[in-house]
Amino acid sequence: MASAATAPPPPASLRRIVAASLIGTTIEWYDFFLYGSAAALVFNKLFFPNTDPLVGTLLSFLTYAVGFAARPLGALVFGHYGDRLGRKKLLVLSLLMMGAATFAIGLLPTYGTVGVAAPVLLTVLRLIQGFALGGEWGGAVLLVSEHGDAKRRGFWASWPQTGAPAGQLLATGVLSLLTALISDSAFTAWGWRIPFLLSGVLVMVGLWIRLSVDESPVFKEALARAEARKAARGDASEKMPLVAVLRHHWRDILVAIGARMAENISYYVITAFILVYATTSAGVSKQTALNAVLIASAVHFAVIPAWGALSDRVGRRPVYLLGAAGVGLWMFPFFSLIDTGGFGNLILAVTVGLVLHGAMYAPQAAFFSEMFATRMRYSGASIGAQFASVAAGAPAPLIATALLADYGSSTPIALYVIAAAVLTLIAVGVAKETRHRDLAQIEEDGAADERSATARTADAPTA
């Protein structure tokens, strides 16, 4: 029988928690994606002006990639303290860090003003963004997963996932509006700063909402049990969440890393690299490419909760496998449609790609949450998700741009995404289905395993 802590909260309370997580993740992803779009459109000219245009784009995407390099560190730090202190405190800190870094980017001097210091400062701020986002994702999805009704966990936990397309929608929409209202020269001179400075206002709104929600009841109950066990043993020591998760859940971490390969790589090829490919190889205008991503992101936002609800009915694995296979099969039609240069074909290419991506992204929050025990869940989910981002999302636009520069064709890029899809199919294929798992029971199982291991160590003969 479910405990009071694990019983579903009233619908109004749950909706408030979902809204707080969604708005916070939307702002964080707005900040993160805004950088990616600006890297594709203007940063090559402003911060790396003394290079060939395509080389400048590669260098720009390299600074984009360093944000991903900081995400595993953020996952380790935020995961550790999130599992010890709670989800809410760390989510507030991640939002403040991300907002401050993004606002500061809007104030940066360019290469023409301060020389090499400009790209150095840009890279430092990008590292701070990545560190904050590395801690954001795990806390946001866990706050909802640990509050939500177990029977509809896939649906409710998918809402923080919509923060990614919502952030993409907001970032692309602001950029698209600016490029429509002002000239290219004005946008390059000062207009690009406006979306970054806007982040300061958005963070204040998100912070106000995020401070209004309660800590996860599942976490509070697990913390109380841990304190009771320590008092009974008369021992104040406690294993670090990182050590515990690597000991009890290392297979789940590997599954999570593999599951993210196709999801992460396909997303950044479809939404970030597309701005380079469509404008340089297909002859599409910058405004047209942005508008296509804008429309597709709106559809992406709408389908994610539907995929999440489907995962509650048929399981996390079937929906995830459908998305991975679909993305792999779509890559050649994706680039063929873009090569036509037609706006309708461009919208179709990006929209179908993101709908299939959503089949992976929607169940991911519940899937990863259900893999780990409560007192190591923040660490486990964050480590699995963010370490994958270093090998997947971080270099994806960079690798795609380099392949385009070397081969002058989309075929190697399509094969790159297909290879990632195969890895994800294998990882999810060998994973266990999790949709019927009780989050509190996973905690009890993990605690029992740890007590058993401790007892075996104590009973072992000494040399």
Protein backbone atom coordinates (compact mmCIF):
# COMPACT_ATOMS: atom_id res chain seq x y z
CA MET A 1 0.00 0.00 0.00
CA ALA A 2 1.35 3.45 -0.87
CA SER A 3 2.48 5.60 1.97
CA ALA A 4 1.17 9.09 2.51
CA ALA A 5 4.34 10.45 1.02
CA THR A 6 3.97 8.47 -2.15
CA ALA A 7 0.22 9.03 -2.62
CA PRO A 8 -0.56 11.40 -5.48
CA PRO A 9 -1.00 15.05 -4.46
CA PRO A 10 -4.20 16.96 -5.21
CA PRO A 11 -4.52 17.84 -8.92
CA ALA A 12 -4.17 21.58 -8.27
CA SER A 13 -0.95 21.03 -6.31
CA LEU A 14 0.47 18.72 -8.97
CA ARG A 15 -0.33 21.21 -11.72
CA ARG A 16 1.50 23.93 -9.79
CA ILE A 17 4.55 21.68 -9.40
CA VAL A 18 4.47 20.81 -13.10
CA ALA A 19 4.14 24.49 -14.00
CA ALA A 20 7.10 25.43 -11.79
CA SER A 21 9.29 22.76 -13.36
CA LEU A 22 8.14 23.58 -16.89
CA ILE A 23 8.68 27.34 -16.60
CA GLY A 24 12.08 26.87 -15.01
CA THR A 25 13.27 24.39 -17.63
CA THR A 26 11.87 26.57 -20.42
CA ILE A 27 13.97 29.50 -19.23
CA GLU A 28 17.08 27.35 -18.80
CA TRP A 29 16.70 25.85 -22.28
CA TYR A 30 15.90 29.26 -23.76
CA ASP A 31 19.26 30.46 -22.46
CA PHE A 32 21.08 27.36 -23.69
CA PHE A 33 19.48 27.22 -27.15
CA LEU A 34 19.78 30.93 -27.68
CA TYR A 35 23.54 30.47 -27.62
CA GLY A 36 23.32 27.66 -30.17
CA SER A 37 21.28 29.74 -32.59
CA ALA A 38 23.54 32.76 -32.14
CA ALA A 39 26.59 30.52 -32.67
CA ALA A 40 25.19 29.47 -36.04
CA LEU A 41 24.12 32.97 -37.11
CA VAL A 42 26.42 35.71 -35.75
CA PHE A 43 29.07 34.54 -33.27
CA ASN A 44 31.39 33.43 -36.08
CA LYS A 45 31.49 37.05 -37.32
CA LEU A 46 31.62 38.75 -33.93
CA PHE A 47 34.07 36.56 -32.03
CA PHE A 48 36.05 34.76 -34.79
CA PRO A 49 36.17 37.29 -37.64
CA ASN A 50 39.66 36.56 -39.01
CA THR A 51 38.85 33.12 -40.41
CA ASP A 52 37.13 31.49 -43.36
CA PRO A 53 33.32 31.68 -42.80
CA LEU A 54 32.90 27.89 -42.44
CA VAL A 55 35.97 27.68 -40.16
CA GLY A 56 34.53 30.55 -38.12
CA THR A 57 31.30 28.58 -37.79
CA LEU A 58 33.29 25.54 -36.63
CA LEU A 59 35.06 27.64 -33.98
CA SER A 60 31.73 29.13 -32.95
CA PHE A 61 30.23 25.65 -32.54
CA LEU A 62 33.33 24.66 -30.57
CA THR A 63 32.48 27.24 -27.90
CA TYR A 64 28.92 25.90 -28.12
CA ALA A 65 30.26 22.41 -27.39
CA VAL A 66 32.23 23.42 -24.29
CA GLY A 67 28.93 24.07 -22.55
CA PHE A 68 28.24 20.37 -22.86
CA ALA A 69 31.64 19.55 -21.39
CA ALA A 70 30.63 21.33 -18.19
CA ARG A 71 27.31 19.50 -17.92
CA PRO A 72 28.72 16.26 -16.40
CA LEU A 73 30.47 18.32 -13.71
CA GLY A 74 27.17 20.07 -13.02
CA ALA A 75 25.46 16.67 -12.87
CA LEU A 76 27.99 15.41 -10.30
CA VAL A 77 27.84 18.49 -8.07
CA PHE A 78 24.10 19.17 -8.27
CA GLY A 79 23.31 15.45 -8.11
CA HIS A 80 25.39 15.01 -4.95
CA TYR A 81 23.81 17.93 -3.11
CA GLY A 82 20.37 17.33 -4.60
CA ASP A 83 20.38 13.82 -3.14
CA ARG A 84 21.55 15.15 0.24
CA LEU A 85 19.76 18.49 0.58
CA GLY A 86 16.75 18.12 -1.68
CA ARG A 87 15.64 18.95 -5.21
CA LYS A 88 14.18 22.42 -4.73
CA LYS A 89 17.24 24.25 -3.37
CA LEU A 90 19.44 23.06 -6.20
CA LEU A 91 16.87 23.95 -8.85
CA VAL A 92 16.75 27.53 -7.60
CA LEU A 93 20.56 27.75 -7.72
CA SER A 94 20.76 26.33 -11.26
CA LEU A 95 18.22 28.85 -12.53
CA LEU A 96 20.14 31.78 -11.02
CA MET A 97 23.46 30.60 -12.46
CA MET A 98 22.08 30.08 -15.94
CA GLY A 99 20.29 33.42 -16.00
CA ALA A 100 23.31 35.38 -14.79
CA ALA A 101 25.61 33.79 -17.40
CA THR A 102 23.18 34.41 -20.25
CA PHE A 103 22.60 38.04 -19.22
CA ALA A 104 26.37 38.56 -19.09
CA ILE A 105 26.76 37.22 -22.66
CA GLY A 106 24.45 40.02 -23.78
CA LEU A 107 26.93 42.54 -22.33
CA LEU A 108 30.10 41.01 -23.78
CA PRO A 109 32.46 43.10 -25.92
CA THR A 110 33.25 41.54 -29.29
CA TYR A 111 36.58 40.61 -30.90
CA GLY A 112 36.72 43.95 -32.63
CA THR A 113 36.70 45.72 -29.24
CA VAL A 114 38.89 43.61 -26.94
CA GLY A 115 40.50 41.08 -29.26
CA VAL A 116 41.14 37.53 -28.07
CA ALA A 117 39.63 38.26 -24.65
CA ALA A 118 36.18 38.25 -26.26
CA PRO A 119 36.06 34.55 -27.25
CA VAL A 120 37.74 33.64 -23.94
CA LEU A 121 35.03 35.40 -21.92
CA LEU A 122 32.37 33.88 -24.16
CA THR A 123 33.75 30.41 -23.48
CA VAL A 124 33.83 30.96 -19.70
CA LEU A 125 30.19 32.06 -19.67
CA ARG A 126 29.26 29.09 -21.84
CA LEU A 127 30.92 26.79 -19.29
CA ILE A 128 28.79 28.32 -16.53
CA GLN A 129 25.68 27.76 -18.66
CA GLY A 130 26.58 24.11 -19.16
CA PHE A 131 27.34 23.59 -15.46
CA ALA A 132 23.94 24.98 -14.49
CA LEU A 133 22.05 22.97 -17.09
CA GLY A 134 23.84 19.80 -15.99
CA GLY A 135 22.11 20.15 -12.62
CA GLU A 136 18.79 21.51 -13.87
CA TRP A 137 17.42 18.61 -15.87
CA GLY A 138 17.62 15.90 -13.21
CA GLY A 139 16.10 18.05 -10.48
CA ALA A 140 13.23 19.31 -12.63
CA VAL A 141 12.06 15.91 -13.85
CA LEU A 142 12.52 14.31 -10.42
CA LEU A 143 10.48 16.97 -8.67
CA VAL A 144 7.53 16.08 -10.90
CA SER A 145 8.16 12.33 -10.99
CA GLU A 146 8.37 12.11 -7.20
CA HIS A 147 5.21 14.16 -6.70
CA GLY A 148 3.14 12.63 -9.47
CA ASP A 149 0.59 9.87 -9.72
CA ALA A 150 2.43 6.61 -10.54
CA LYS A 151 -0.21 5.57 -13.07
CA ARG A 152 0.33 8.75 -15.09
CA ARG A 153 3.99 9.39 -14.29
CA GLY A 154 5.02 9.27 -17.95
CA PHE A 155 2.51 11.99 -18.83
CA TRP A 156 3.25 14.31 -15.93
CA ALA A 157 7.04 13.85 -16.07
CA SER A 158 7.00 14.62 -19.80
CA TRP A 159 5.91 18.20 -19.13
CA PRO A 160 9.32 19.39 -17.88
CA GLN A 161 10.63 17.80 -21.10
CA THR A 162 8.50 20.25 -23.07
CA GLY A 163 10.74 22.94 -21.62
CA ALA A 164 13.29 22.05 -24.32
CA PRO A 165 11.03 22.77 -27.32
CA ALA A 166 9.43 25.65 -25.43
CA GLY A 167 12.87 27.15 -24.84
CA GLN A 168 13.79 26.49 -28.45
CA LEU A 169 10.50 28.06 -29.53
CA LEU A 170 11.08 31.11 -27.39
CA ALA A 171 14.73 31.55 -28.41
CA THR A 172 14.05 31.00 -32.12
CA GLY A 173 10.93 33.17 -31.97
CA VAL A 174 12.79 36.11 -30.44
CA LEU A 175 15.61 35.78 -32.98
CA SER A 176 13.17 35.39 -35.85
CA LEU A 177 11.24 38.48 -34.76
CA LEU A 178 14.42 40.53 -34.50
CA THR A 179 15.73 39.45 -37.90
CA ALA A 180 12.34 40.36 -39.40
CA LEU A 181 12.19 43.79 -37.75
CA ILE A 182 15.77 45.01 -38.14
CA SER A 183 18.39 44.79 -40.87
CA ASP A 184 21.14 42.19 -40.91
CA SER A 185 23.73 44.87 -40.15
CA ALA A 186 21.76 46.14 -37.15
CA PHE A 187 21.21 42.61 -35.87
CA THR A 188 24.95 41.90 -36.11
CA ALA A 189 25.87 45.23 -34.52
CA TRP A 190 23.53 45.21 -31.51
CA GLY A 191 20.28 43.30 -32.10
CA TRP A 192 21.71 39.91 -31.11
CA ARG A 193 22.21 41.21 -27.56
CA ILE A 194 18.49 41.76 -26.87
CA PRO A 195 17.49 38.08 -26.46
CA PHE A 196 20.37 37.49 -24.01
CA LEU A 197 19.47 40.53 -21.90
CA LEU A 198 15.82 39.43 -21.89
CA SER A 199 16.91 36.39 -19.89
CA GLY A 200 17.25 38.56 -16.77
CA VAL A 201 13.50 39.28 -16.76
CA LEU A 202 12.58 35.65 -17.47
CA VAL A 203 14.74 34.38 -14.61
CA MET A 204 12.96 36.60 -12.09
CA VAL A 205 9.60 35.19 -13.19
CA GLY A 206 10.87 31.61 -13.05
CA LEU A 207 12.47 32.13 -9.66
CA TRP A 208 9.25 33.47 -8.17
CA ILE A 209 7.30 30.44 -9.38
CA ARG A 210 9.95 27.87 -8.44
CA LEU A 211 10.22 29.16 -4.87
CA SER A 212 6.48 28.54 -4.38
CA VAL A 213 6.58 24.72 -4.61
CA ASP A 214 7.29 22.16 -1.90
CA GLU A 215 10.14 19.69 -1.70
CA SER A 216 9.54 16.21 -3.10
CA PRO A 217 7.61 14.08 -0.53
CA VAL A 218 9.36 10.91 -1.72
CA PHE A 219 12.73 12.53 -1.03
CA LYS A 220 11.65 13.76 2.42
CA GLU A 221 10.44 10.28 3.34
CA ALA A 222 13.65 8.67 2.05
CA LEU A 223 15.75 11.20 3.99
CA ALA A 224 13.83 10.44 7.18
CA ARG A 225 14.41 6.70 6.71
CA ALA A 226 18.11 7.28 6.11
CA GLU A 227 18.38 9.37 9.27
CA ALA A 228 16.56 6.66 11.24
CA ARG A 229 18.97 3.98 9.94
CA LYS A 230 21.96 6.10 10.90
CA ALA A 231 20.55 6.70 14.39
CA ALA A 232 19.90 2.97 14.84
CA ARG A 233 23.47 2.15 13.82
CA GLY A 234 24.90 4.94 15.93
CA ASP A 235 26.93 5.94 12.88
CA ALA A 236 26.78 9.39 11.29
CA SER A 237 28.53 8.26 8.11
CA GLU A 238 26.67 7.91 4.84
CA LYS A 239 27.90 6.80 1.45
CA MET A 240 28.21 9.56 -1.11
CA PRO A 241 25.36 9.35 -3.64
CA LEU A 242 27.92 9.05 -6.45
CA VAL A 243 29.57 6.02 -4.82
CA ALA A 244 26.21 4.42 -4.07
CA VAL A 245 24.81 4.91 -7.57
CA LEU A 246 27.92 3.52 -9.23
CA ARG A 247 27.76 0.50 -6.95
CA HIS A 248 24.07 -0.34 -7.23
CA HIS A 249 23.01 1.21 -10.56
CA TRP A 250 26.00 1.17 -12.93
CA ARG A 251 24.08 -0.86 -15.53
CA ASP A 252 21.26 1.67 -15.45
CA ILE A 253 23.74 4.51 -15.99
CA LEU A 254 25.10 2.75 -19.09
CA VAL A 255 21.55 2.22 -20.38
CA ALA A 256 20.76 5.91 -19.83
CA ILE A 257 23.92 6.99 -21.68
CA GLY A 258 23.13 4.71 -24.62
CA ALA A 259 19.50 5.79 -24.67
CA ARG A 260 20.50 9.41 -25.06
CA MET A 261 22.82 8.96 -28.05
CA ALA A 262 20.19 9.08 -30.81
CA GLU A 263 17.96 11.48 -28.89
CA ASN A 264 20.72 14.01 -28.27
CA ILE A 265 22.55 13.81 -31.59
CA SER A 266 19.40 13.94 -33.72
CA TYR A 267 18.04 16.93 -31.81
CA TYR A 268 21.06 19.13 -32.31
CA VAL A 269 21.44 18.13 -35.96
CA ILE A 270 17.77 18.93 -36.59
CA THR A 271 17.63 22.22 -34.67
CA ALA A 272 21.16 23.72 -34.58
CA PHE A 273 23.09 22.33 -37.54
CA ILE A 274 20.07 22.85 -39.78
CA LEU A 275 20.66 26.62 -39.57
CA VAL A 276 24.08 26.08 -41.13
CA TYR A 277 23.12 23.44 -43.69
CA ALA A 278 19.96 25.14 -44.95
CA THR A 279 21.62 28.54 -45.38
CA THR A 280 24.93 27.36 -46.91
CA SER A 281 24.09 24.22 -48.91
CA ALA A 282 20.40 24.61 -49.74
CA GLY A 283 20.44 28.36 -50.36
CA VAL A 284 17.68 29.02 -47.82
CA SER A 285 17.59 32.42 -46.11
CA LYS A 286 18.35 32.77 -42.43
CA GLN A 287 14.81 33.97 -41.77
CA THR A 288 13.26 30.99 -43.58
CA ALA A 289 15.37 28.47 -41.65
CA LEU A 290 14.49 30.09 -38.33
CA ASN A 291 10.79 30.11 -39.18
CA ALA A 292 10.87 26.40 -40.05
CA VAL A 293 12.49 25.53 -36.72
CA LEU A 294 9.98 27.80 -34.98
CA ILE A 295 6.96 25.99 -36.46
CA ALA A 296 8.44 22.54 -35.88
CA SER A 297 9.26 23.38 -32.24
CA ALA A 298 5.62 24.28 -31.63
CA VAL A 299 4.55 20.85 -32.91
CA HIS A 300 7.31 19.22 -30.86
CA PHE A 301 5.98 20.92 -27.73
CA ALA A 302 2.48 19.61 -28.41
CA VAL A 303 3.38 15.96 -29.08
CA ILE A 304 5.69 15.35 -26.11
CA PRO A 305 2.87 14.97 -23.51
CA ALA A 306 1.03 12.67 -25.93
CA TRP A 307 4.08 10.42 -26.24
CA GLY A 308 4.45 10.53 -22.45
CA ALA A 309 0.83 9.43 -21.98
CA LEU A 310 1.33 6.62 -24.50
CA SER A 311 4.32 5.39 -22.48
CA ASP A 312 1.98 5.03 -19.48
CA ARG A 313 -0.21 2.68 -21.52
CA VAL A 314 2.28 0.58 -23.49
CA GLY A 315 5.55 1.11 -21.60
CA ARG A 316 8.59 3.37 -21.79
CA ARG A 317 10.66 1.01 -23.98
CA PRO A 318 8.26 0.55 -26.93
CA VAL A 319 7.76 4.31 -27.33
CA TYR A 320 11.48 5.01 -26.98
CA LEU A 321 12.40 2.30 -29.51
CA LEU A 322 9.87 3.68 -31.99
CA GLY A 323 11.47 7.13 -31.76
CA ALA A 324 15.03 5.84 -32.18
CA ALA A 325 14.16 3.71 -35.22
CA GLY A 326 12.08 6.51 -36.73
CA VAL A 327 14.82 9.13 -36.42
CA GLY A 328 17.34 6.81 -38.06
CA LEU A 329 15.02 6.04 -40.97
CA TRP A 330 14.10 9.71 -41.43
CA MET A 331 17.59 11.12 -41.94
CA PHE A 332 17.94 10.60 -45.69
CA PRO A 333 14.44 11.97 -46.46
CA PHE A 334 15.22 14.82 -44.01
CA PHE A 335 18.18 16.12 -46.00
CA SER A 336 16.53 15.42 -49.37
CA LEU A 337 13.60 17.64 -48.41
CA ILE A 338 15.90 20.43 -47.27
CA ASP A 339 17.92 20.25 -50.49
CA THR A 340 14.81 21.24 -52.48
CA GLY A 341 14.97 24.69 -50.86
CA GLY A 342 11.18 24.86 -50.48
CA PHE A 343 9.79 26.31 -47.28
CA GLY A 344 7.06 23.67 -47.02
CA ASN A 345 9.56 20.86 -47.46
CA LEU A 346 11.83 22.43 -44.86
CA ILE A 347 8.97 22.57 -42.35
CA LEU A 348 8.05 18.95 -43.11
CA ALA A 349 11.64 17.76 -42.68
CA VAL A 350 12.18 19.43 -39.32
CA THR A 351 8.69 18.73 -37.96
CA VAL A 352 8.73 14.99 -38.66
CA GLY A 353 12.24 14.77 -37.24
CA LEU A 354 11.19 16.48 -34.00
CA VAL A 355 7.99 14.43 -33.66
CA LEU A 356 10.08 11.25 -33.83
CA HIS A 357 12.59 12.77 -31.43
CA GLY A 358 9.73 13.43 -29.03
CA ALA A 359 8.99 9.70 -28.86
CA MET A 360 12.40 9.30 -27.21
CA TYR A 361 12.43 12.51 -25.21
CA ALA A 362 8.94 12.23 -23.67
CA PRO A 363 9.30 8.91 -21.79
CA GLN A 364 12.92 9.65 -20.91
CA ALA A 365 12.09 11.58 -17.71
CA ALA A 366 9.97 8.82 -16.17
CA PHE A 367 12.20 6.08 -17.59
CA PHE A 368 15.37 7.46 -15.99
CA SER A 369 13.61 8.37 -12.72
CA GLU A 370 12.30 4.82 -12.34
CA MET A 371 15.77 3.31 -12.69
CA PHE A 372 17.29 4.72 -9.50
CA ALA A 373 16.67 4.68 -5.73
CA THR A 374 15.53 7.98 -4.21
CA ARG A 375 18.68 8.86 -2.28
CA MET A 376 20.79 8.42 -5.40
CA ARG A 377 18.18 9.28 -8.04
CA TYR A 378 19.31 12.87 -8.69
CA SER A 379 22.90 11.67 -9.13
CA GLY A 380 22.02 8.63 -11.24
CA ALA A 381 19.59 10.33 -13.60
CA SER A 382 21.83 13.39 -14.00
CA ILE A 383 25.04 11.42 -14.55
CA GLY A 384 23.44 9.13 -17.12
CA ALA A 385 21.84 12.02 -18.99
CA GLN A 386 24.68 14.55 -18.87
CA PHE A 387 27.67 12.29 -19.47
CA ALA A 388 25.94 11.20 -22.66
CA SER A 389 25.66 14.83 -23.73
CA VAL A 390 29.46 15.11 -23.93
CA ALA A 391 29.69 12.32 -26.50
CA ALA A 392 26.38 13.06 -28.22
CA GLY A 393 24.94 16.59 -28.20
CA ALA A 394 28.18 18.47 -27.60
CA PRO A 395 30.03 17.50 -30.78
CA ALA A 396 26.96 16.88 -32.97
CA PRO A 397 26.81 20.28 -34.74
CA LEU A 398 30.62 20.36 -34.84
CA ILE A 399 30.90 16.88 -36.38
CA ALA A 400 28.07 17.59 -38.82
CA THR A 401 29.71 20.85 -39.94
CA ALA A 402 33.10 19.15 -40.33
CA LEU A 403 31.55 16.32 -42.38
CA LEU A 404 29.85 18.87 -44.60
CA ALA A 405 33.14 20.75 -45.07
CA ASP A 406 35.09 17.57 -45.89
CA TYR A 407 32.59 15.77 -48.12
CA GLY A 408 30.28 18.53 -49.34
CA SER A 409 27.37 16.11 -48.92
CA SER A 410 24.68 15.30 -46.37
CA THR A 411 25.18 11.52 -46.71
CA PRO A 412 27.93 11.18 -44.04
CA ILE A 413 25.81 13.29 -41.67
CA ALA A 414 22.79 11.03 -42.18
CA LEU A 415 24.94 7.95 -41.55
CA TYR A 416 26.28 9.58 -38.37
CA VAL A 417 22.75 9.98 -36.97
CA ILE A 418 21.80 6.44 -38.09
CA ALA A 419 24.79 5.01 -36.19
CA ALA A 420 23.61 6.83 -33.06
CA ALA A 421 20.11 5.40 -33.55
CA VAL A 422 21.54 1.87 -33.66
CA LEU A 423 23.37 2.45 -30.35
CA THR A 424 20.17 3.67 -28.74
CA LEU A 425 18.16 0.73 -30.05
CA ILE A 426 20.67 -1.64 -28.47
CA ALA A 427 20.75 0.19 -25.11
CA VAL A 428 16.98 0.48 -24.73
CA GLY A 429 16.48 -3.01 -26.16
CA VAL A 430 18.44 -4.62 -23.32
CA ALA A 431 16.89 -2.42 -20.61
CA LYS A 432 14.09 -3.55 -18.32
CA GLU A 433 10.62 -2.01 -18.56
CA THR A 434 10.08 0.41 -15.64
CA ARG A 435 6.58 1.87 -15.91
CA HIS A 436 5.10 -0.22 -13.06
CA ARG A 437 7.89 0.55 -10.59
CA ASP A 438 7.08 2.27 -7.30
CA LEU A 439 9.66 4.99 -6.59
CA ALA A 440 9.54 4.41 -2.83
CA GLN A 441 9.95 0.64 -3.30
CA ILE A 442 13.08 1.21 -5.38
CA GLU A 443 14.44 3.14 -2.41
CA GLU A 444 13.69 0.27 -0.05
CA ASP A 445 15.30 -2.26 -2.39
CA GLY A 446 18.43 -0.13 -2.66
CA ALA A 447 18.61 0.28 1.11
CA ALA A 448 18.21 -3.48 1.59
CA ASP A 449 21.02 -4.14 -0.88
CA GLU A 450 23.28 -1.71 0.96
CA ARG A 451 22.47 -3.22 4.37
CA SER A 452 23.15 -6.70 3.00
CA ALA A 453 26.50 -5.62 1.56
CA THR A 454 27.43 -3.97 4.86
CA ALA A 455 26.53 -7.11 6.80
CA ARG A 456 28.60 -9.30 4.49
CA THR A 457 31.58 -7.00 4.96
CA ALA A 458 31.20 -7.05 8.75
CA ASP A 459 30.90 -10.85 8.85
CA ALA A 460 33.86 -11.49 6.56
CA PRO A 461 36.86 -13.09 8.33
CA THR A 462 39.83 -10.83 8.85
CA ALA A 463 43.34 -11.78 7.78
